Amino acid sequence: MSNEIANADLTGLDVPSSGAAWAEIGRFALSFNGYEHWGSFEKCAEIANRWRDAYRAEGSLPNSLTELRTCLFFEQRRWRHFGLDPNEEATDYIHAVVERIRERVRSGEID
């Protein structure tokens, strides 16, 4: 996964705009390697799935930029594995994650 961008190096221009196409979001998602960061597929999946479930249940998202990027990275990998574009429910979640990432980057909250 080339073209990785550290949290400290992210700018607003790196983050896809609201309503961006899945291809653009997917490319951005791969600018962070959740497997490498957390040391395993399992740990990355645990974090991403916990937050996806929390979003489904109560609309909660992480405040941590690293956890947000983990969620987005894992969704990219999940839907790549399925060989499909995300469904409507997943797209809503993904756009919410991207928006929260944008907020964190704008405010300088890199973790």
Protein backbone atom coordinates (compact mmCIF):
# COMPACT_ATOMS: atom_id res chain seq x y z
CA MET A 1 0.00 0.00 0.00
CA SER A 2 1.97 2.87 -1.31
CA ASN A 3 1.17 6.54 -0.98
CA GLU A 4 0.60 6.32 2.77
CA ILE A 5 0.10 9.65 4.54
CA ALA A 6 0.85 10.05 8.24
CA ASN A 7 -1.83 11.73 10.35
CA ALA A 8 0.48 14.69 10.97
CA ASP A 9 0.91 15.17 7.21
CA LEU A 10 -2.78 15.08 6.27
CA THR A 11 -4.28 18.26 4.89
CA GLY A 12 -7.83 19.13 3.98
CA LEU A 13 -6.90 18.63 0.33
CA ASP A 14 -6.11 14.96 1.00
CA VAL A 15 -9.58 14.19 2.39
CA PRO A 16 -12.27 13.45 -0.21
CA SER A 17 -15.06 16.01 -0.48
CA SER A 18 -18.59 15.38 0.76
CA GLY A 19 -20.36 12.97 -1.54
CA ALA A 20 -17.11 11.87 -3.23
CA ALA A 21 -17.24 8.76 -5.38
CA TRP A 22 -16.28 5.42 -3.86
CA ALA A 23 -13.15 5.19 -6.04
CA GLU A 24 -11.78 8.44 -4.60
CA ILE A 25 -12.67 7.45 -1.04
CA GLY A 26 -11.09 4.04 -1.55
CA ARG A 27 -7.82 5.58 -2.73
CA PHE A 28 -7.76 7.86 0.30
CA ALA A 29 -8.57 4.93 2.61
CA LEU A 30 -5.42 3.19 1.42
CA SER A 31 -3.27 6.15 2.50
CA PHE A 32 -3.35 4.49 5.95
CA ASN A 33 -2.47 0.84 6.56
CA GLY A 34 -4.57 -0.35 9.47
CA TYR A 35 -3.10 -3.85 9.44
CA GLU A 36 0.41 -2.47 9.80
CA HIS A 37 -0.56 0.16 12.37
CA TRP A 38 -2.35 -2.29 14.68
CA GLY A 39 0.00 -5.18 14.00
CA SER A 40 -2.59 -7.62 12.69
CA PHE A 41 -5.70 -8.10 10.61
CA GLU A 42 -7.55 -9.24 13.75
CA LYS A 43 -6.86 -6.11 15.81
CA CYS A 44 -7.69 -3.84 12.88
CA ALA A 45 -10.93 -5.75 12.27
CA GLU A 46 -11.85 -5.62 15.96
CA ILE A 47 -11.56 -1.83 16.08
CA ALA A 48 -13.28 -1.26 12.74
CA ASN A 49 -16.16 -3.65 13.41
CA ARG A 50 -16.75 -2.29 16.92
CA TRP A 51 -17.13 1.24 15.53
CA ARG A 52 -19.24 0.13 12.56
CA ASP A 53 -21.59 -1.63 15.00
CA ALA A 54 -21.67 1.43 17.29
CA TYR A 55 -22.57 3.62 14.33
CA ARG A 56 -25.36 1.26 13.33
CA ALA A 57 -26.72 1.13 16.88
CA GLU A 58 -26.40 4.74 17.97
CA GLY A 59 -24.64 6.81 15.33
CA SER A 60 -21.37 6.87 17.30
CA LEU A 61 -18.01 7.43 15.63
CA PRO A 62 -14.53 7.53 17.14
CA ASN A 63 -12.88 10.85 17.91
CA SER A 64 -9.40 9.47 17.29
CA LEU A 65 -8.10 10.23 13.80
CA THR A 66 -6.20 6.93 13.85
CA GLU A 67 -9.34 4.95 14.68
CA LEU A 68 -11.33 6.84 12.05
CA ARG A 69 -8.71 6.04 9.43
CA THR A 70 -8.69 2.43 10.64
CA CYS A 71 -12.44 2.25 10.06
CA LEU A 72 -12.18 3.71 6.58
CA PHE A 73 -9.23 1.48 5.66
CA PHE A 74 -11.08 -1.62 6.83
CA GLU A 75 -14.25 -0.70 4.91
CA GLN A 76 -12.16 -0.36 1.76
CA ARG A 77 -10.64 -3.78 2.36
CA ARG A 78 -14.04 -5.30 3.27
CA TRP A 79 -15.74 -4.12 0.09
CA ARG A 80 -12.72 -4.98 -2.04
CA HIS A 81 -12.95 -8.52 -0.61
CA PHE A 82 -16.65 -8.65 -1.53
CA GLY A 83 -15.82 -7.42 -5.04
CA LEU A 84 -18.63 -4.86 -4.82
CA ASP A 85 -19.17 -1.19 -4.19
CA PRO A 86 -20.56 -0.50 -0.71
CA ASN A 87 -24.31 -0.80 -0.25
CA GLU A 88 -26.43 2.17 0.85
CA GLU A 89 -26.06 1.51 4.58
CA ALA A 90 -22.28 1.14 4.28
CA THR A 91 -22.04 4.24 2.08
CA ASP A 92 -23.83 6.33 4.72
CA TYR A 93 -21.38 5.08 7.36
CA ILE A 94 -18.35 5.62 5.12
CA HIS A 95 -19.40 9.20 4.31
CA ALA A 96 -19.90 9.89 8.03
CA VAL A 97 -16.39 8.57 8.74
CA VAL A 98 -14.88 10.72 5.97
CA GLU A 99 -16.71 13.79 7.29
CA ARG A 100 -15.40 13.17 10.82
CA ILE A 101 -11.88 12.72 9.41
CA ARG A 102 -12.26 16.06 7.61
CA GLU A 103 -13.35 17.73 10.87
CA ARG A 104 -10.37 16.30 12.76
CA VAL A 105 -7.88 17.34 10.08
CA ARG A 106 -9.38 20.85 9.87
CA SER A 107 -9.15 21.32 13.63
CA GLY A 108 -5.61 19.93 13.79
CA GLU A 109 -6.67 17.02 16.03
CA ILE A 110 -4.34 14.35 14.73
CA ASP A 111 -4.95 12.14 17.81
